[in-house]
Amino acid sequence: LKSIPVALGRAASIRVIPILHGAALGLFTAFAYWDHLGIPVYVALGVMAALTGAIDARLHRASTDTRVVFRAHFALGAIFLLGVGLATFLPGIPG
């Protein structure tokens, strides 16, 4: 199985995670801006940024518990999907 921890090693991959998370949040923000999605998506992105920061900090403190990061991706995806869904399907929300 090829993965970042296998390619870079555990310590280096833990340092790379916040960079990748920041890049993903930046791309999600660009998507929301270019598609004029509006406030619900930006609220969702703020929640995602806070959750991601907390998870990354926890991983740096206890780098052996990588399952937390894996499981958190499900929550992050659901939060983003909720924000996009609200922005897309609820009329009257500024966009």
N, C-alpha and C. Protein backbone atom coordinates (compact mmCIF):
# COMPACT_ATOMS: atom_id res chain seq x y z
N LEU A 1 0.85 -1.18 0.00
CA LEU A 1 0.00 0.00 0.00
C LEU A 1 0.89 1.24 0.00
N LYS A 2 0.76 2.05 -1.03
CA LYS A 2 1.54 3.28 -1.08
C LYS A 2 0.77 4.37 -0.35
N SER A 3 1.47 5.09 0.50
CA SER A 3 0.84 6.16 1.26
C SER A 3 1.91 7.17 1.64
N ILE A 4 1.46 8.29 2.15
CA ILE A 4 2.41 9.32 2.57
C ILE A 4 3.30 8.82 3.71
N PRO A 5 2.75 8.15 4.74
CA PRO A 5 3.64 7.66 5.80
C PRO A 5 4.67 6.65 5.29
N VAL A 6 4.29 5.83 4.31
CA VAL A 6 5.25 4.87 3.77
C VAL A 6 6.32 5.60 2.97
N ALA A 7 5.91 6.58 2.18
CA ALA A 7 6.86 7.30 1.32
C ALA A 7 7.78 8.23 2.11
N LEU A 8 7.23 8.95 3.09
CA LEU A 8 8.00 9.98 3.80
C LEU A 8 8.47 9.55 5.18
N GLY A 9 7.85 8.55 5.73
CA GLY A 9 8.10 8.19 7.12
C GLY A 9 7.04 8.84 8.01
N ARG A 10 6.85 8.28 9.16
CA ARG A 10 5.77 8.73 10.06
C ARG A 10 5.95 10.18 10.52
N ALA A 11 7.14 10.53 10.97
CA ALA A 11 7.36 11.89 11.51
C ALA A 11 7.17 12.95 10.43
N ALA A 12 7.72 12.72 9.26
CA ALA A 12 7.59 13.70 8.17
C ALA A 12 6.14 13.78 7.70
N SER A 13 5.44 12.66 7.66
CA SER A 13 4.05 12.70 7.20
C SER A 13 3.17 13.48 8.17
N ILE A 14 3.47 13.41 9.46
CA ILE A 14 2.70 14.17 10.44
C ILE A 14 2.95 15.67 10.26
N ARG A 15 4.14 16.05 9.83
CA ARG A 15 4.42 17.47 9.55
C ARG A 15 3.73 17.93 8.26
N VAL A 16 3.51 17.03 7.33
CA VAL A 16 2.90 17.38 6.04
C VAL A 16 1.37 17.49 6.14
N ILE A 17 0.78 16.80 7.08
CA ILE A 17 -0.69 16.78 7.19
C ILE A 17 -1.31 18.17 7.27
N PRO A 18 -0.84 19.08 8.13
CA PRO A 18 -1.45 20.41 8.17
C PRO A 18 -1.34 21.16 6.84
N ILE A 19 -0.26 20.95 6.11
CA ILE A 19 -0.10 21.60 4.81
C ILE A 19 -1.15 21.09 3.84
N LEU A 20 -1.34 19.79 3.81
CA LEU A 20 -2.35 19.20 2.92
C LEU A 20 -3.76 19.61 3.31
N HIS A 21 -4.03 19.66 4.61
CA HIS A 21 -5.34 20.12 5.07
C HIS A 21 -5.58 21.57 4.69
N GLY A 22 -4.57 22.41 4.85
CA GLY A 22 -4.69 23.81 4.46
C GLY A 22 -4.94 23.96 2.97
N ALA A 23 -4.25 23.17 2.17
CA ALA A 23 -4.45 23.22 0.71
C ALA A 23 -5.87 22.78 0.35
N ALA A 24 -6.36 21.74 1.01
CA ALA A 24 -7.72 21.26 0.73
C ALA A 24 -8.74 22.33 1.10
N LEU A 25 -8.58 22.94 2.26
CA LEU A 25 -9.52 23.99 2.67
C LEU A 25 -9.45 25.19 1.72
N GLY A 26 -8.26 25.51 1.25
CA GLY A 26 -8.12 26.58 0.28
C GLY A 26 -8.83 26.27 -1.04
N LEU A 27 -8.71 25.04 -1.50
CA LEU A 27 -9.40 24.65 -2.73
C LEU A 27 -10.91 24.62 -2.55
N PHE A 28 -11.37 24.16 -1.39
CA PHE A 28 -12.82 24.18 -1.11
C PHE A 28 -13.34 25.62 -1.09
N THR A 29 -12.56 26.52 -0.50
CA THR A 29 -12.95 27.93 -0.45
C THR A 29 -13.00 28.52 -1.87
N ALA A 30 -12.02 28.19 -2.68
CA ALA A 30 -12.02 28.67 -4.07
C ALA A 30 -13.24 28.15 -4.82
N PHE A 31 -13.58 26.88 -4.62
CA PHE A 31 -14.77 26.30 -5.24
C PHE A 31 -16.02 27.06 -4.81
N ALA A 32 -16.15 27.33 -3.52
CA ALA A 32 -17.33 28.04 -3.02
C ALA A 32 -17.41 29.46 -3.59
N TYR A 33 -16.27 30.11 -3.69
CA TYR A 33 -16.23 31.48 -4.23
C TYR A 33 -16.60 31.49 -5.71
N TRP A 34 -15.97 30.64 -6.48
CA TRP A 34 -16.20 30.62 -7.93
C TRP A 34 -17.61 30.17 -8.30
N ASP A 35 -18.22 29.35 -7.43
CA ASP A 35 -19.57 28.88 -7.72
C ASP A 35 -20.63 29.72 -7.00
N HIS A 36 -20.20 30.80 -6.32
CA HIS A 36 -21.12 31.73 -5.63
C HIS A 36 -22.06 30.98 -4.68
N LEU A 37 -21.49 30.13 -3.84
CA LEU A 37 -22.33 29.29 -2.98
C LEU A 37 -22.88 30.00 -1.76
N GLY A 38 -22.20 30.95 -1.22
CA GLY A 38 -22.78 31.75 -0.15
C GLY A 38 -22.43 31.33 1.26
N ILE A 39 -23.12 31.95 2.19
CA ILE A 39 -22.81 31.89 3.61
C ILE A 39 -22.77 30.48 4.19
N PRO A 40 -23.73 29.59 3.90
CA PRO A 40 -23.66 28.26 4.53
C PRO A 40 -22.36 27.52 4.26
N VAL A 41 -21.81 27.66 3.08
CA VAL A 41 -20.56 26.97 2.77
C VAL A 41 -19.41 27.58 3.55
N TYR A 42 -19.40 28.90 3.69
CA TYR A 42 -18.32 29.55 4.42
C TYR A 42 -18.40 29.22 5.92
N VAL A 43 -19.60 29.09 6.44
CA VAL A 43 -19.75 28.65 7.83
C VAL A 43 -19.23 27.22 7.97
N ALA A 44 -19.61 26.35 7.03
CA ALA A 44 -19.13 24.97 7.05
C ALA A 44 -17.60 24.93 6.96
N LEU A 45 -17.02 25.76 6.11
CA LEU A 45 -15.56 25.80 5.98
C LEU A 45 -14.90 26.27 7.28
N GLY A 46 -15.53 27.21 7.96
CA GLY A 46 -15.00 27.65 9.25
C GLY A 46 -15.02 26.54 10.28
N VAL A 47 -16.12 25.80 10.32
CA VAL A 47 -16.22 24.65 11.24
C VAL A 47 -15.18 23.59 10.86
N MET A 48 -15.05 23.35 9.56
CA MET A 48 -14.05 22.38 9.10
C MET A 48 -12.64 22.81 9.47
N ALA A 49 -12.33 24.08 9.33
CA ALA A 49 -10.99 24.58 9.67
C ALA A 49 -10.71 24.40 11.17
N ALA A 50 -11.71 24.71 12.00
CA ALA A 50 -11.53 24.55 13.45
C ALA A 50 -11.35 23.07 13.81
N LEU A 51 -12.17 22.22 13.24
CA LEU A 51 -12.07 20.78 13.51
C LEU A 51 -10.73 20.23 13.01
N THR A 52 -10.34 20.65 11.83
CA THR A 52 -9.07 20.18 11.26
C THR A 52 -7.89 20.64 12.13
N GLY A 53 -7.92 21.88 12.56
CA GLY A 53 -6.85 22.38 13.43
C GLY A 53 -6.76 21.59 14.73
N ALA A 54 -7.92 21.30 15.33
CA ALA A 54 -7.94 20.52 16.58
C ALA A 54 -7.41 19.10 16.36
N ILE A 55 -7.80 18.51 15.25
CA ILE A 55 -7.36 17.14 14.96
C ILE A 55 -5.86 17.11 14.69
N ASP A 56 -5.38 18.07 13.91
CA ASP A 56 -3.95 18.12 13.62
C ASP A 56 -3.14 18.33 14.90
N ALA A 57 -3.62 19.20 15.77
CA ALA A 57 -2.92 19.44 17.04
C ALA A 57 -2.91 18.17 17.89
N ARG A 58 -4.04 17.46 17.92
CA ARG A 58 -4.09 16.21 18.69
C ARG A 58 -3.14 15.18 18.11
N LEU A 59 -3.07 15.12 16.78
CA LEU A 59 -2.17 14.16 16.15
C LEU A 59 -0.71 14.48 16.48
N HIS A 60 -0.36 15.75 16.55
CA HIS A 60 1.01 16.13 16.90
C HIS A 60 1.35 15.75 18.34
N ARG A 61 0.34 15.82 19.22
CA ARG A 61 0.57 15.44 20.63
C ARG A 61 0.64 13.93 20.80
N ALA A 62 -0.21 13.20 20.10
CA ALA A 62 -0.29 11.74 20.23
C ALA A 62 -0.25 11.13 18.84
N SER A 63 0.93 11.08 18.26
CA SER A 63 1.06 10.68 16.86
C SER A 63 0.79 9.21 16.61
N THR A 64 0.52 8.44 17.65
CA THR A 64 0.24 7.02 17.44
C THR A 64 -1.24 6.78 17.13
N ASP A 65 -2.10 7.76 17.39
CA ASP A 65 -3.53 7.57 17.19
C ASP A 65 -3.97 8.17 15.86
N THR A 66 -3.54 7.57 14.76
CA THR A 66 -3.85 8.09 13.43
C THR A 66 -5.28 7.75 12.99
N ARG A 67 -5.94 6.84 13.69
CA ARG A 67 -7.33 6.51 13.34
C ARG A 67 -8.24 7.71 13.51
N VAL A 68 -7.92 8.59 14.43
CA VAL A 68 -8.73 9.79 14.66
C VAL A 68 -8.79 10.64 13.40
N VAL A 69 -7.65 10.80 12.75
CA VAL A 69 -7.60 11.60 11.52
C VAL A 69 -8.42 10.93 10.43
N PHE A 70 -8.29 9.63 10.29
CA PHE A 70 -9.05 8.91 9.27
C PHE A 70 -10.55 9.05 9.50
N ARG A 71 -10.99 8.85 10.72
CA ARG A 71 -12.43 8.95 11.04
C ARG A 71 -12.93 10.38 10.89
N ALA A 72 -12.11 11.35 11.18
CA ALA A 72 -12.53 12.75 11.09
C ALA A 72 -12.84 13.16 9.66
N HIS A 73 -12.24 12.51 8.69
CA HIS A 73 -12.54 12.84 7.30
C HIS A 73 -14.00 12.60 6.96
N PHE A 74 -14.62 11.63 7.59
CA PHE A 74 -16.05 11.41 7.37
C PHE A 74 -16.86 12.60 7.89
N ALA A 75 -16.51 13.09 9.07
CA ALA A 75 -17.21 14.25 9.63
C ALA A 75 -16.95 15.49 8.79
N LEU A 76 -15.72 15.69 8.34
CA LEU A 76 -15.40 16.86 7.52
C LEU A 76 -16.18 16.83 6.20
N GLY A 77 -16.27 15.66 5.59
CA GLY A 77 -17.03 15.53 4.35
C GLY A 77 -18.51 15.82 4.57
N ALA A 78 -19.05 15.33 5.67
CA ALA A 78 -20.47 15.57 5.97
C ALA A 78 -20.74 17.05 6.22
N ILE A 79 -19.84 17.72 6.91
CA ILE A 79 -20.00 19.16 7.17
C ILE A 79 -19.98 19.95 5.86
N PHE A 80 -19.04 19.63 4.99
CA PHE A 80 -18.95 20.33 3.70
C PHE A 80 -20.19 20.05 2.86
N LEU A 81 -20.61 18.80 2.81
CA LEU A 81 -21.81 18.43 2.05
C LEU A 81 -23.04 19.16 2.58
N LEU A 82 -23.17 19.28 3.88
CA LEU A 82 -24.29 20.01 4.47
C LEU A 82 -24.25 21.48 4.05
N GLY A 83 -23.09 22.10 4.12
CA GLY A 83 -22.96 23.50 3.73
C GLY A 83 -23.31 23.72 2.27
N VAL A 84 -22.79 22.86 1.39
CA VAL A 84 -23.08 22.98 -0.04
C VAL A 84 -24.56 22.73 -0.30
N GLY A 85 -25.12 21.73 0.37
CA GLY A 85 -26.54 21.43 0.20
C GLY A 85 -27.43 22.59 0.62
N LEU A 86 -27.13 23.18 1.76
CA LEU A 86 -27.92 24.33 2.22
C LEU A 86 -27.79 25.51 1.27
N ALA A 87 -26.58 25.77 0.82
CA ALA A 87 -26.36 26.89 -0.08
C ALA A 87 -27.02 26.68 -1.44
N THR A 88 -27.11 25.44 -1.85
CA THR A 88 -27.65 25.13 -3.17
C THR A 88 -29.17 25.03 -3.19
N PHE A 89 -29.74 24.41 -2.16
CA PHE A 89 -31.15 24.05 -2.22
C PHE A 89 -32.09 24.92 -1.38
N LEU A 90 -31.55 25.79 -0.53
CA LEU A 90 -32.42 26.66 0.25
C LEU A 90 -32.46 28.05 -0.39
N PRO A 91 -33.61 28.45 -0.85
CA PRO A 91 -33.70 29.78 -1.46
C PRO A 91 -33.60 30.88 -0.41
N GLY A 92 -33.09 32.00 -0.81
CA GLY A 92 -33.05 33.16 0.08
C GLY A 92 -31.79 33.31 0.88
N ILE A 93 -30.89 32.31 0.83
CA ILE A 93 -29.62 32.44 1.55
C ILE A 93 -28.65 33.14 0.61
N PRO A 94 -28.05 34.24 1.06
CA PRO A 94 -27.16 34.99 0.16
C PRO A 94 -26.06 34.11 -0.42
N GLY A 95 -25.73 34.39 -1.67
CA GLY A 95 -24.72 33.58 -2.32
C GLY A 95 -23.80 34.33 -3.18
